Amino acid sequence: MTDNFFHIDDLTQGLARKLKNGITTRIFPGDQAMLSVVRIAPNAHGTLHSHPEEQWGYMIEGSATRIQNGENIQVEKGSFWRTPGNVEHSVIAGSEGCVILDVFAPPREEYKTPGTGFGTAKT
């Protein structure tokens, strides 16, 4: 039963993934959805990418610029957003860094095991 209970600050839980220098995540896959707790160092830049899964994001701490579908949108603690499947997106952390909770539906196959990298990068 306790296999399904977690704590957001317990860095020993979940599947570790290094998305890029300065950007790490802990992934919690389920049957129909997947959670990802992303920690981004101050001013770190993500990689512009897309994937077929829908993604929701919630800014737990800090601030960032969310790049989505060609727009730059400022997000801060408490902001949340939806990214439809196949829409290019990225993030640039603010000067204090940030922590984001991402939810994917359905779960992303490439995130079901520990590893590195984002989804499909823009070429």
PDB file of N, CA and C in Angstrom:
ATOM      1  N   MET A   1       0.826  -1.201   0.000  1.00  0.00           N
ATOM      2  CA  MET A   1       0.000   0.000   0.000  1.00  0.00           C
ATOM      3  C   MET A   1       0.867   1.260   0.000  1.00  0.00           C
ATOM      4  N   THR A   2       1.940   1.284   0.778  1.00  0.00           N
ATOM      5  CA  THR A   2       2.767   2.495   0.847  1.00  0.00           C
ATOM      6  C   THR A   2       3.585   2.713  -0.422  1.00  0.00           C
ATOM      7  N   ASP A   3       3.558   1.750  -1.362  1.00  0.00           N
ATOM      8  CA  ASP A   3       4.245   1.928  -2.643  1.00  0.00           C
ATOM      9  C   ASP A   3       3.651   3.070  -3.452  1.00  0.00           C
ATOM     10  N   ASN A   4       2.460   3.513  -3.101  1.00  0.00           N
ATOM     11  CA  ASN A   4       1.768   4.565  -3.840  1.00  0.00           C
ATOM     12  C   ASN A   4       1.748   5.903  -3.113  1.00  0.00           C
ATOM     13  N   PHE A   5       2.619   6.084  -2.110  1.00  0.00           N
ATOM     14  CA  PHE A   5       2.692   7.330  -1.353  1.00  0.00           C
ATOM     15  C   PHE A   5       4.096   7.894  -1.448  1.00  0.00           C
ATOM     16  N   PHE A   6       4.183   9.205  -1.673  1.00  0.00           N
ATOM     17  CA  PHE A   6       5.475   9.840  -1.927  1.00  0.00           C
ATOM     18  C   PHE A   6       5.531  11.202  -1.238  1.00  0.00           C
ATOM     19  N   HIS A   7       6.731  11.774  -1.181  1.00  0.00           N
ATOM     20  CA  HIS A   7       6.916  13.128  -0.666  1.00  0.00           C
ATOM     21  C   HIS A   7       7.730  13.918  -1.680  1.00  0.00           C
ATOM     22  N   ILE A   8       7.267  15.107  -2.000  1.00  0.00           N
ATOM     23  CA  ILE A   8       7.876  15.910  -3.060  1.00  0.00           C
ATOM     24  C   ILE A   8       9.339  16.266  -2.790  1.00  0.00           C
ATOM     25  N   ASP A   9       9.736  16.349  -1.531  1.00  0.00           N
ATOM     26  CA  ASP A   9      11.115  16.722  -1.191  1.00  0.00           C
ATOM     27  C   ASP A   9      12.033  15.525  -0.960  1.00  0.00           C
ATOM     28  N   ASP A  10      11.509  14.303  -1.092  1.00  0.00           N
ATOM     29  CA  ASP A  10      12.332  13.106  -0.908  1.00  0.00           C
ATOM     30  C   ASP A  10      13.006  12.772  -2.235  1.00  0.00           C
ATOM     31  N   LEU A  11      14.268  13.156  -2.369  1.00  0.00           N
ATOM     32  CA  LEU A  11      14.989  12.988  -3.624  1.00  0.00           C
ATOM     33  C   LEU A  11      15.445  11.550  -3.873  1.00  0.00           C
ATOM     34  N   THR A  12      15.118  10.630  -2.946  1.00  0.00           N
ATOM     35  CA  THR A  12      15.427   9.217  -3.170  1.00  0.00           C
ATOM     36  C   THR A  12      14.271   8.501  -3.864  1.00  0.00           C
ATOM     37  N   GLN A  13      13.119   9.157  -3.961  1.00  0.00           N
ATOM     38  CA  GLN A  13      11.940   8.534  -4.555  1.00  0.00           C
ATOM     39  C   GLN A  13      11.843   8.865  -6.045  1.00  0.00           C
ATOM     40  N   GLY A  14      11.143   8.049  -6.766  1.00  0.00           N
ATOM     41  CA  GLY A  14      10.927   8.284  -8.182  1.00  0.00           C
ATOM     42  C   GLY A  14      12.118   7.872  -9.026  1.00  0.00           C
ATOM     43  N   LEU A  15      11.967   8.042 -10.325  1.00  0.00           N
ATOM     44  CA  LEU A  15      13.018   7.729 -11.286  1.00  0.00           C
ATOM     45  C   LEU A  15      13.800   8.996 -11.599  1.00  0.00           C
ATOM     46  N   ALA A  16      15.104   8.969 -11.377  1.00  0.00           N
ATOM     47  CA  ALA A  16      15.936  10.154 -11.612  1.00  0.00           C
ATOM     48  C   ALA A  16      16.189  10.317 -13.109  1.00  0.00           C
ATOM     49  N   ARG A  17      16.113  11.560 -13.567  1.00  0.00           N
ATOM     50  CA  ARG A  17      16.416  11.865 -14.961  1.00  0.00           C
ATOM     51  C   ARG A  17      17.093  13.234 -15.015  1.00  0.00           C
ATOM     52  N   LYS A  18      18.209  13.302 -15.719  1.00  0.00           N
ATOM     53  CA  LYS A  18      18.885  14.579 -15.963  1.00  0.00           C
ATOM     54  C   LYS A  18      18.436  15.053 -17.330  1.00  0.00           C
ATOM     55  N   LEU A  19      17.673  16.129 -17.356  1.00  0.00           N
ATOM     56  CA  LEU A  19      17.163  16.628 -18.621  1.00  0.00           C
ATOM     57  C   LEU A  19      18.233  17.403 -19.385  1.00  0.00           C
ATOM     58  N   LYS A  20      19.051  18.152 -18.639  1.00  0.00           N
ATOM     59  CA  LYS A  20      20.100  18.986 -19.208  1.00  0.00           C
ATOM     60  C   LYS A  20      20.922  19.493 -18.025  1.00  0.00           C
ATOM     61  N   ASN A  21      22.114  20.036 -18.245  1.00  0.00           N
ATOM     62  CA  ASN A  21      22.873  20.623 -17.134  1.00  0.00           C
ATOM     63  C   ASN A  21      22.010  21.663 -16.432  1.00  0.00           C
ATOM     64  N   GLY A  22      21.867  21.519 -15.130  1.00  0.00           N
ATOM     65  CA  GLY A  22      21.066  22.450 -14.339  1.00  0.00           C
ATOM     66  C   GLY A  22      19.592  22.115 -14.266  1.00  0.00           C
ATOM     67  N   ILE A  23      19.165  21.027 -14.918  1.00  0.00           N
ATOM     68  CA  ILE A  23      17.745  20.649 -14.905  1.00  0.00           C
ATOM     69  C   ILE A  23      17.631  19.151 -14.644  1.00  0.00           C
ATOM     70  N   THR A  24      17.052  18.815 -13.479  1.00  0.00           N
ATOM     71  CA  THR A  24      16.856  17.416 -13.121  1.00  0.00           C
ATOM     72  C   THR A  24      15.399  17.185 -12.757  1.00  0.00           C
ATOM     73  N   THR A  25      15.006  15.927 -12.768  1.00  0.00           N
ATOM     74  CA  THR A  25      13.637  15.598 -12.398  1.00  0.00           C
ATOM     75  C   THR A  25      13.587  14.253 -11.695  1.00  0.00           C
ATOM     76  N   ARG A  26      12.523  14.052 -10.936  1.00  0.00           N
ATOM     77  CA  ARG A  26      12.162  12.767 -10.339  1.00  0.00           C
ATOM     78  C   ARG A  26      10.805  12.420 -10.933  1.00  0.00           C
ATOM     79  N   ILE A  27      10.694  11.252 -11.529  1.00  0.00           N
ATOM     80  CA  ILE A  27       9.503  10.875 -12.279  1.00  0.00           C
ATOM     81  C   ILE A  27       8.740   9.775 -11.547  1.00  0.00           C
ATOM     82  N   PHE A  28       7.415   9.916 -11.547  1.00  0.00           N
ATOM     83  CA  PHE A  28       6.526   8.978 -10.866  1.00  0.00           C
ATOM     84  C   PHE A  28       5.472   8.503 -11.874  1.00  0.00           C
ATOM     85  N   PRO A  29       5.746   7.375 -12.555  1.00  0.00           N
ATOM     86  CA  PRO A  29       4.814   6.902 -13.574  1.00  0.00           C
ATOM     87  C   PRO A  29       3.631   6.145 -12.975  1.00  0.00           C
ATOM     88  N   GLY A  30       2.468   6.388 -13.541  1.00  0.00           N
ATOM     89  CA  GLY A  30       1.263   5.648 -13.187  1.00  0.00           C
ATOM     90  C   GLY A  30       0.725   4.950 -14.413  1.00  0.00           C
ATOM     91  N   ASP A  31      -0.461   4.405 -14.299  1.00  0.00           N
ATOM     92  CA  ASP A  31      -1.070   3.687 -15.422  1.00  0.00           C
ATOM     93  C   ASP A  31      -1.591   4.643 -16.498  1.00  0.00           C
ATOM     94  N   GLN A  32      -2.215   5.744 -16.085  1.00  0.00           N
ATOM     95  CA  GLN A  32      -2.850   6.666 -17.021  1.00  0.00           C
ATOM     96  C   GLN A  32      -2.206   8.048 -17.069  1.00  0.00           C
ATOM     97  N   ALA A  33      -1.370   8.368 -16.092  1.00  0.00           N
ATOM     98  CA  ALA A  33      -0.711   9.676 -16.021  1.00  0.00           C
ATOM     99  C   ALA A  33       0.652   9.500 -15.367  1.00  0.00           C
ATOM    100  N   MET A  34       1.463  10.545 -15.450  1.00  0.00           N
ATOM    101  CA  MET A  34       2.824  10.513 -14.918  1.00  0.00           C
ATOM    102  C   MET A  34       3.123  11.886 -14.317  1.00  0.00           C
ATOM    103  N   LEU A  35       3.718  11.885 -13.111  1.00  0.00           N
ATOM    104  CA  LEU A  35       4.157  13.135 -12.482  1.00  0.00           C
ATOM    105  C   LEU A  35       5.662  13.254 -12.611  1.00  0.00           C
ATOM    106  N   SER A  36       6.134  14.491 -12.743  1.00  0.00           N
ATOM    107  CA  SER A  36       7.556  14.779 -12.835  1.00  0.00           C
ATOM    108  C   SER A  36       7.830  16.025 -12.003  1.00  0.00           C
ATOM    109  N   VAL A  37       8.706  15.903 -11.001  1.00  0.00           N
ATOM    110  CA  VAL A  37       9.087  17.048 -10.163  1.00  0.00           C
ATOM    111  C   VAL A  37      10.414  17.566 -10.713  1.00  0.00           C
ATOM    112  N   VAL A  38      10.359  18.703 -11.388  1.00  0.00           N
ATOM    113  CA  VAL A  38      11.505  19.255 -12.101  1.00  0.00           C
ATOM    114  C   VAL A  38      12.150  20.357 -11.260  1.00  0.00           C
ATOM    115  N   ARG A  39      13.461  20.247 -11.073  1.00  0.00           N
ATOM    116  CA  ARG A  39      14.232  21.259 -10.348  1.00  0.00           C
ATOM    117  C   ARG A  39      15.186  21.914 -11.333  1.00  0.00           C
ATOM    118  N   ILE A  40      15.078  23.258 -11.437  1.00  0.00           N
ATOM    119  CA  ILE A  40      15.853  23.994 -12.421  1.00  0.00           C
ATOM    120  C   ILE A  40      16.730  25.020 -11.714  1.00  0.00           C
ATOM    121  N   ALA A  41      18.022  24.977 -11.997  1.00  0.00           N
ATOM    122  CA  ALA A  41      18.985  25.903 -11.392  1.00  0.00           C
ATOM    123  C   ALA A  41      18.718  27.330 -11.892  1.00  0.00           C
ATOM    124  N   PRO A  42      19.166  28.330 -11.137  1.00  0.00           N
ATOM    125  CA  PRO A  42      18.969  29.724 -11.561  1.00  0.00           C
ATOM    126  C   PRO A  42      19.443  29.964 -12.994  1.00  0.00           C
ATOM    127  N   ASN A  43      18.569  30.589 -13.781  1.00  0.00           N
ATOM    128  CA  ASN A  43      18.836  30.991 -15.164  1.00  0.00           C
ATOM    129  C   ASN A  43      19.124  29.842 -16.134  1.00  0.00           C
ATOM    130  N   ALA A  44      18.905  28.602 -15.737  1.00  0.00           N
ATOM    131  CA  ALA A  44      19.127  27.471 -16.639  1.00  0.00           C
ATOM    132  C   ALA A  44      18.065  27.470 -17.736  1.00  0.00           C
ATOM    133  N   HIS A  45      18.477  27.061 -18.932  1.00  0.00           N
ATOM    134  CA  HIS A  45      17.607  27.025 -20.108  1.00  0.00           C
ATOM    135  C   HIS A  45      17.278  25.585 -20.455  1.00  0.00           C
ATOM    136  N   GLY A  46      16.022  25.305 -20.701  1.00  0.00           N
ATOM    137  CA  GLY A  46      15.629  24.002 -21.209  1.00  0.00           C
ATOM    138  C   GLY A  46      15.902  23.924 -22.704  1.00  0.00           C
ATOM    139  N   THR A  47      15.525  22.824 -23.318  1.00  0.00           N
ATOM    140  CA  THR A  47      15.662  22.611 -24.757  1.00  0.00           C
ATOM    141  C   THR A  47      14.281  22.678 -25.391  1.00  0.00           C
ATOM    142  N   LEU A  48      14.143  23.418 -26.475  1.00  0.00           N
ATOM    143  CA  LEU A  48      12.878  23.486 -27.187  1.00  0.00           C
ATOM    144  C   LEU A  48      12.563  22.093 -27.735  1.00  0.00           C
ATOM    145  N   HIS A  49      11.408  21.542 -27.371  1.00  0.00           N
ATOM    146  CA  HIS A  49      11.040  20.190 -27.754  1.00  0.00           C
ATOM    147  C   HIS A  49       9.527  20.036 -27.782  1.00  0.00           C
ATOM    148  N   SER A  50       9.082  18.894 -28.261  1.00  0.00           N
ATOM    149  CA  SER A  50       7.654  18.561 -28.235  1.00  0.00           C
ATOM    150  C   SER A  50       7.525  17.056 -28.058  1.00  0.00           C
ATOM    151  N   HIS A  51       6.329  16.628 -27.714  1.00  0.00           N
ATOM    152  CA  HIS A  51       6.010  15.210 -27.545  1.00  0.00           C
ATOM    153  C   HIS A  51       4.505  15.065 -27.710  1.00  0.00           C
ATOM    154  N   PRO A  52       4.024  13.891 -28.041  1.00  0.00           N
ATOM    155  CA  PRO A  52       2.588  13.729 -28.301  1.00  0.00           C
ATOM    156  C   PRO A  52       1.704  13.801 -27.055  1.00  0.00           C
ATOM    157  N   GLU A  53       2.287  13.605 -25.875  1.00  0.00           N
ATOM    158  CA  GLU A  53       1.483  13.591 -24.644  1.00  0.00           C
ATOM    159  C   GLU A  53       1.092  15.015 -24.231  1.00  0.00           C
ATOM    160  N   GLU A  54      -0.110  15.154 -23.678  1.00  0.00           N
ATOM    161  CA  GLU A  54      -0.523  16.417 -23.061  1.00  0.00           C
ATOM    162  C   GLU A  54       0.296  16.611 -21.793  1.00  0.00           C
ATOM    163  N   GLN A  55       0.621  17.863 -21.476  1.00  0.00           N
ATOM    164  CA  GLN A  55       1.422  18.172 -20.281  1.00  0.00           C
ATOM    165  C   GLN A  55       0.804  19.356 -19.555  1.00  0.00           C
ATOM    166  N   TRP A  56       0.669  19.201 -18.245  1.00  0.00           N
ATOM    167  CA  TRP A  56       0.275  20.314 -17.376  1.00  0.00           C
ATOM    168  C   TRP A  56       1.461  20.637 -16.483  1.00  0.00           C
ATOM    169  N   GLY A  57       1.695  21.913 -16.199  1.00  0.00           N
ATOM    170  CA  GLY A  57       2.773  22.323 -15.312  1.00  0.00           C
ATOM    171  C   GLY A  57       2.249  23.211 -14.200  1.00  0.00           C
ATOM    172  N   TYR A  58       2.841  23.084 -13.015  1.00  0.00           N
ATOM    173  CA  TYR A  58       2.491  23.913 -11.849  1.00  0.00           C
ATOM    174  C   TYR A  58       3.781  24.406 -11.205  1.00  0.00           C
ATOM    175  N   MET A  59       3.937  25.721 -11.071  1.00  0.00           N
ATOM    176  CA  MET A  59       5.131  26.316 -10.475  1.00  0.00           C
ATOM    177  C   MET A  59       5.011  26.254  -8.949  1.00  0.00           C
ATOM    178  N   ILE A  60       5.802  25.377  -8.353  1.00  0.00           N
ATOM    179  CA  ILE A  60       5.778  25.191  -6.907  1.00  0.00           C
ATOM    180  C   ILE A  60       6.598  26.270  -6.203  1.00  0.00           C
ATOM    181  N   GLU A  61       7.780  26.542  -6.751  1.00  0.00           N
ATOM    182  CA  GLU A  61       8.693  27.542  -6.179  1.00  0.00           C
ATOM    183  C   GLU A  61       9.381  28.290  -7.306  1.00  0.00           C
ATOM    184  N   GLY A  62       9.696  29.562  -7.054  1.00  0.00           N
ATOM    185  CA  GLY A  62      10.493  30.335  -7.994  1.00  0.00           C
ATOM    186  C   GLY A  62       9.687  30.954  -9.118  1.00  0.00           C
ATOM    187  N   SER A  63      10.387  31.241 -10.210  1.00  0.00           N
ATOM    188  CA  SER A  63       9.761  31.848 -11.377  1.00  0.00           C
ATOM    189  C   SER A  63      10.528  31.418 -12.621  1.00  0.00           C
ATOM    190  N   ALA A  64       9.901  31.661 -13.779  1.00  0.00           N
ATOM    191  CA  ALA A  64      10.528  31.262 -15.033  1.00  0.00           C
ATOM    192  C   ALA A  64       9.844  31.958 -16.197  1.00  0.00           C
ATOM    193  N   THR A  65      10.443  31.825 -17.360  1.00  0.00           N
ATOM    194  CA  THR A  65       9.800  32.187 -18.609  1.00  0.00           C
ATOM    195  C   THR A  65       9.429  30.879 -19.290  1.00  0.00           C
ATOM    196  N   ARG A  66       8.159  30.694 -19.540  1.00  0.00           N
ATOM    197  CA  ARG A  66       7.668  29.511 -20.242  1.00  0.00           C
ATOM    198  C   ARG A  66       7.595  29.859 -21.720  1.00  0.00           C
ATOM    199  N   ILE A  67       8.283  29.102 -22.528  1.00  0.00           N
ATOM    200  CA  ILE A  67       8.249  29.281 -23.980  1.00  0.00           C
ATOM    201  C   ILE A  67       7.312  28.214 -24.511  1.00  0.00           C
ATOM    202  N   GLN A  68       6.249  28.662 -25.164  1.00  0.00           N
ATOM    203  CA  GLN A  68       5.245  27.701 -25.627  1.00  0.00           C
ATOM    204  C   GLN A  68       4.619  28.210 -26.909  1.00  0.00           C
ATOM    205  N   ASN A  69       4.702  27.385 -27.947  1.00  0.00           N
ATOM    206  CA  ASN A  69       4.095  27.706 -29.230  1.00  0.00           C
ATOM    207  C   ASN A  69       4.558  29.080 -29.736  1.00  0.00           C
ATOM    208  N   GLY A  70       5.847  29.385 -29.536  1.00  0.00           N
ATOM    209  CA  GLY A  70       6.424  30.629 -30.031  1.00  0.00           C
ATOM    210  C   GLY A  70       6.226  31.844 -29.141  1.00  0.00           C
ATOM    211  N   GLU A  71       5.577  31.699 -28.010  1.00  0.00           N
ATOM    212  CA  GLU A  71       5.359  32.821 -27.088  1.00  0.00           C
ATOM    213  C   GLU A  71       6.210  32.650 -25.834  1.00  0.00           C
ATOM    214  N   ASN A  72       6.648  33.766 -25.246  1.00  0.00           N
ATOM    215  CA  ASN A  72       7.356  33.784 -23.958  1.00  0.00           C
ATOM    216  C   ASN A  72       6.388  34.302 -22.908  1.00  0.00           C
ATOM    217  N   ILE A  73       6.091  33.468 -21.915  1.00  0.00           N
ATOM    218  CA  ILE A  73       5.104  33.816 -20.898  1.00  0.00           C
ATOM    219  C   ILE A  73       5.766  33.725 -19.532  1.00  0.00           C
ATOM    220  N   GLN A  74       5.673  34.786 -18.740  1.00  0.00           N
ATOM    221  CA  GLN A  74       6.241  34.808 -17.392  1.00  0.00           C
ATOM    222  C   GLN A  74       5.341  34.001 -16.462  1.00  0.00           C
ATOM    223  N   VAL A  75       5.940  33.087 -15.702  1.00  0.00           N
ATOM    224  CA  VAL A  75       5.204  32.289 -14.724  1.00  0.00           C
ATOM    225  C   VAL A  75       5.906  32.406 -13.378  1.00  0.00           C
ATOM    226  N   GLU A  76       5.128  32.322 -12.324  1.00  0.00           N
ATOM    227  CA  GLU A  76       5.657  32.464 -10.967  1.00  0.00           C
ATOM    228  C   GLU A  76       4.985  31.448 -10.066  1.00  0.00           C
ATOM    229  N   LYS A  77       5.431  31.400  -8.812  1.00  0.00           N
ATOM    230  CA  LYS A  77       4.849  30.483  -7.832  1.00  0.00           C
ATOM    231  C   LYS A  77       3.329  30.582  -7.883  1.00  0.00           C
ATOM    232  N   GLY A  78       2.690  29.439  -8.035  1.00  0.00           N
ATOM    233  CA  GLY A  78       1.231  29.386  -8.101  1.00  0.00           C
ATOM    234  C   GLY A  78       0.677  29.345  -9.517  1.00  0.00           C
ATOM    235  N   SER A  79       1.474  29.719 -10.515  1.00  0.00           N
ATOM    236  CA  SER A  79       1.017  29.658 -11.909  1.00  0.00           C
ATOM    237  C   SER A  79       0.924  28.199 -12.352  1.00  0.00           C
ATOM    238  N   PHE A  80      -0.049  27.906 -13.209  1.00  0.00           N
ATOM    239  CA  PHE A  80      -0.073  26.600 -13.845  1.00  0.00           C
ATOM    240  C   PHE A  80      -0.550  26.750 -15.277  1.00  0.00           C
ATOM    241  N   TRP A  81      -0.201  25.769 -16.112  1.00  0.00           N
ATOM    242  CA  TRP A  81      -0.445  25.880 -17.547  1.00  0.00           C
ATOM    243  C   TRP A  81      -0.645  24.504 -18.164  1.00  0.00           C
ATOM    244  N   ARG A  82      -1.244  24.527 -19.345  1.00  0.00           N
ATOM    245  CA  ARG A  82      -1.475  23.312 -20.131  1.00  0.00           C
ATOM    246  C   ARG A  82      -0.703  23.423 -21.435  1.00  0.00           C
ATOM    247  N   THR A  83      -0.039  22.352 -21.806  1.00  0.00           N
ATOM    248  CA  THR A  83       0.646  22.267 -23.083  1.00  0.00           C
ATOM    249  C   THR A  83       0.041  21.086 -23.851  1.00  0.00           C
ATOM    250  N   PRO A  84      -0.732  21.380 -24.909  1.00  0.00           N
ATOM    251  CA  PRO A  84      -1.291  20.273 -25.693  1.00  0.00           C
ATOM    252  C   PRO A  84      -0.178  19.437 -26.331  1.00  0.00           C
ATOM    253  N   GLY A  85      -0.491  18.226 -26.705  1.00  0.00           N
ATOM    254  CA  GLY A  85       0.476  17.372 -27.374  1.00  0.00           C
ATOM    255  C   GLY A  85       0.997  18.002 -28.652  1.00  0.00           C
ATOM    256  N   ASN A  86       2.272  17.740 -28.953  1.00  0.00           N
ATOM    257  CA  ASN A  86       2.949  18.185 -30.176  1.00  0.00           C
ATOM    258  C   ASN A  86       3.147  19.694 -30.285  1.00  0.00           C
ATOM    259  N   VAL A  87       3.001  20.431 -29.188  1.00  0.00           N
ATOM    260  CA  VAL A  87       3.285  21.874 -29.171  1.00  0.00           C
ATOM    261  C   VAL A  87       4.701  22.068 -28.644  1.00  0.00           C
ATOM    262  N   GLU A  88       5.540  22.796 -29.394  1.00  0.00           N
ATOM    263  CA  GLU A  88       6.912  23.047 -28.950  1.00  0.00           C
ATOM    264  C   GLU A  88       6.914  23.922 -27.704  1.00  0.00           C
ATOM    265  N   HIS A  89       7.798  23.558 -26.759  1.00  0.00           N
ATOM    266  CA  HIS A  89       7.862  24.287 -25.504  1.00  0.00           C
ATOM    267  C   HIS A  89       9.232  24.131 -24.856  1.00  0.00           C
ATOM    268  N   SER A  90       9.508  25.028 -23.914  1.00  0.00           N
ATOM    269  CA  SER A  90      10.741  25.007 -23.136  1.00  0.00           C
ATOM    270  C   SER A  90      10.536  25.911 -21.932  1.00  0.00           C
ATOM    271  N   VAL A  91      11.614  26.119 -21.183  1.00  0.00           N
ATOM    272  CA  VAL A  91      11.551  26.974 -19.997  1.00  0.00           C
ATOM    273  C   VAL A  91      12.923  27.574 -19.741  1.00  0.00           C
ATOM    274  N   ILE A  92      12.926  28.782 -19.183  1.00  0.00           N
ATOM    275  CA  ILE A  92      14.144  29.433 -18.704  1.00  0.00           C
ATOM    276  C   ILE A  92      13.862  29.833 -17.255  1.00  0.00           C
ATOM    277  N   ALA A  93      14.623  29.286 -16.326  1.00  0.00           N
ATOM    278  CA  ALA A  93      14.399  29.580 -14.907  1.00  0.00           C
ATOM    279  C   ALA A  93      14.745  31.034 -14.600  1.00  0.00           C
ATOM    280  N   GLY A  94      14.078  31.569 -13.592  1.00  0.00           N
ATOM    281  CA  GLY A  94      14.393  32.903 -13.099  1.00  0.00           C
ATOM    282  C   GLY A  94      15.692  32.896 -12.302  1.00  0.00           C
ATOM    283  N   SER A  95      16.051  34.045 -11.761  1.00  0.00           N
ATOM    284  CA  SER A  95      17.339  34.206 -11.069  1.00  0.00           C
ATOM    285  C   SER A  95      17.453  33.379  -9.799  1.00  0.00           C
ATOM    286  N   GLU A  96      16.331  32.912  -9.234  1.00  0.00           N
ATOM    287  CA  GLU A  96      16.372  32.077  -8.028  1.00  0.00           C
ATOM    288  C   GLU A  96      16.150  30.597  -8.337  1.00  0.00           C
ATOM    289  N   GLY A  97      16.011  30.257  -9.621  1.00  0.00           N
ATOM    290  CA  GLY A  97      15.707  28.884  -9.986  1.00  0.00           C
ATOM    291  C   GLY A  97      14.236  28.592  -9.758  1.00  0.00           C
ATOM    292  N   CYS A  98      13.839  27.346  -9.940  1.00  0.00           N
ATOM    293  CA  CYS A  98      12.438  27.009  -9.721  1.00  0.00           C
ATOM    294  C   CYS A  98      12.242  25.501  -9.571  1.00  0.00           C
ATOM    295  N   VAL A  99      11.071  25.158  -9.064  1.00  0.00           N
ATOM    296  CA  VAL A  99      10.617  23.771  -8.969  1.00  0.00           C
ATOM    297  C   VAL A  99       9.241  23.717  -9.619  1.00  0.00           C
ATOM    298  N   ILE A 100       9.090  22.820 -10.583  1.00  0.00           N
ATOM    299  CA  ILE A 100       7.845  22.682 -11.336  1.00  0.00           C
ATOM    300  C   ILE A 100       7.335  21.253 -11.200  1.00  0.00           C
ATOM    301  N   LEU A 101       6.044  21.109 -11.001  1.00  0.00           N
ATOM    302  CA  LEU A 101       5.394  19.809 -11.039  1.00  0.00           C
ATOM    303  C   LEU A 101       4.742  19.668 -12.406  1.00  0.00           C
ATOM    304  N   ASP A 102       5.194  18.703 -13.191  1.00  0.00           N
ATOM    305  CA  ASP A 102       4.600  18.413 -14.494  1.00  0.00           C
ATOM    306  C   ASP A 102       3.754  17.157 -14.392  1.00  0.00           C
ATOM    307  N   VAL A 103       2.638  17.153 -15.116  1.00  0.00           N
ATOM    308  CA  VAL A 103       1.768  15.987 -15.206  1.00  0.00           C
ATOM    309  C   VAL A 103       1.611  15.660 -16.687  1.00  0.00           C
ATOM    310  N   PHE A 104       1.900  14.423 -17.058  1.00  0.00           N
ATOM    311  CA  PHE A 104       1.772  13.970 -18.436  1.00  0.00           C
ATOM    312  C   PHE A 104       0.657  12.942 -18.530  1.00  0.00           C
ATOM    313  N   ALA A 105      -0.141  13.053 -19.596  1.00  0.00           N
ATOM    314  CA  ALA A 105      -1.162  12.040 -19.863  1.00  0.00           C
ATOM    315  C   ALA A 105      -1.222  11.830 -21.369  1.00  0.00           C
ATOM    316  N   PRO A 106      -1.118  10.591 -21.795  1.00  0.00           N
ATOM    317  CA  PRO A 106      -0.713   9.417 -21.025  1.00  0.00           C
ATOM    318  C   PRO A 106       0.755   9.517 -20.617  1.00  0.00           C
ATOM    319  N   PRO A 107       1.246   8.566 -19.817  1.00  0.00           N
ATOM    320  CA  PRO A 107       2.655   8.589 -19.426  1.00  0.00           C
ATOM    321  C   PRO A 107       3.578   8.572 -20.649  1.00  0.00           C
ATOM    322  N   ARG A 108       4.705   9.236 -20.539  1.00  0.00           N
ATOM    323  CA  ARG A 108       5.703   9.264 -21.615  1.00  0.00           C
ATOM    324  C   ARG A 108       6.561   8.005 -21.540  1.00  0.00           C
ATOM    325  N   GLU A 109       6.600   7.245 -22.600  1.00  0.00           N
ATOM    326  CA  GLU A 109       7.361   5.989 -22.616  1.00  0.00           C
ATOM    327  C   GLU A 109       8.827   6.207 -22.269  1.00  0.00           C
ATOM    328  N   GLU A 110       9.465   7.244 -22.855  1.00  0.00           N
ATOM    329  CA  GLU A 110      10.895   7.458 -22.616  1.00  0.00           C
ATOM    330  C   GLU A 110      11.199   7.886 -21.186  1.00  0.00           C
ATOM    331  N   TYR A 111      10.189   8.260 -20.411  1.00  0.00           N
ATOM    332  CA  TYR A 111      10.395   8.663 -19.024  1.00  0.00           C
ATOM    333  C   TYR A 111      10.095   7.531 -18.040  1.00  0.00           C
ATOM    334  N   LYS A 112       9.770   6.346 -18.516  1.00  0.00           N
ATOM    335  CA  LYS A 112       9.453   5.236 -17.620  1.00  0.00           C
ATOM    336  C   LYS A 112      10.692   4.554 -17.059  1.00  0.00           C
ATOM    337  N   THR A 113      11.864   4.987 -17.507  1.00  0.00           N
ATOM    338  CA  THR A 113      13.133   4.480 -16.983  1.00  0.00           C
ATOM    339  C   THR A 113      14.049   5.666 -16.726  1.00  0.00           C
ATOM    340  N   PRO A 114      14.980   5.549 -15.787  1.00  0.00           N
ATOM    341  CA  PRO A 114      15.932   6.638 -15.549  1.00  0.00           C
ATOM    342  C   PRO A 114      16.729   6.915 -16.819  1.00  0.00           C
ATOM    343  N   GLY A 115      17.215   8.141 -16.960  1.00  0.00           N
ATOM    344  CA  GLY A 115      18.004   8.452 -18.143  1.00  0.00           C
ATOM    345  C   GLY A 115      18.309   9.924 -18.266  1.00  0.00           C
ATOM    346  N   THR A 116      18.507  10.369 -19.502  1.00  0.00           N
ATOM    347  CA  THR A 116      18.838  11.765 -19.761  1.00  0.00           C
ATOM    348  C   THR A 116      18.019  12.264 -20.946  1.00  0.00           C
ATOM    349  N   GLY A 117      17.909  13.581 -21.026  1.00  0.00           N
ATOM    350  CA  GLY A 117      17.299  14.221 -22.184  1.00  0.00           C
ATOM    351  C   GLY A 117      15.822  14.511 -22.038  1.00  0.00           C
ATOM    352  N   PHE A 118      15.364  15.469 -22.901  1.00  0.00           N
ATOM    353  CA  PHE A 118      13.961  15.847 -22.983  1.00  0.00           C
ATOM    354  C   PHE A 118      13.268  14.914 -23.967  1.00  0.00           C
ATOM    355  N   GLY A 119      12.189  15.391 -24.533  1.00  0.00           N
ATOM    356  CA  GLY A 119      11.499  14.649 -25.581  1.00  0.00           C
ATOM    357  C   GLY A 119      12.208  14.871 -26.907  1.00  0.00           C
ATOM    358  N   THR A 120      11.436  15.012 -27.954  1.00  0.00           N
ATOM    359  CA  THR A 120      11.997  15.202 -29.275  1.00  0.00           C
ATOM    360  C   THR A 120      12.432  16.650 -29.420  1.00  0.00           C
ATOM    361  N   ALA A 121      13.743  16.874 -29.564  1.00  0.00           N
ATOM    362  CA  ALA A 121      14.277  18.229 -29.684  1.00  0.00           C
ATOM    363  C   ALA A 121      13.994  18.798 -31.059  1.00  0.00           C
ATOM    364  N   LYS A 122      13.802  20.120 -31.120  1.00  0.00           N
ATOM    365  CA  LYS A 122      13.620  20.807 -32.388  1.00  0.00           C
ATOM    366  C   LYS A 122      14.933  20.764 -33.158  1.00  0.00           C
ATOM    367  N   THR A 123      14.865  20.460 -34.428  1.00  0.00           N
ATOM    368  CA  THR A 123      16.087  20.396 -35.229  1.00  0.00           C
ATOM    369  C   THR A 123      16.261  21.636 -36.072  1.00  0.00           C
TER     370      THR A 123
END
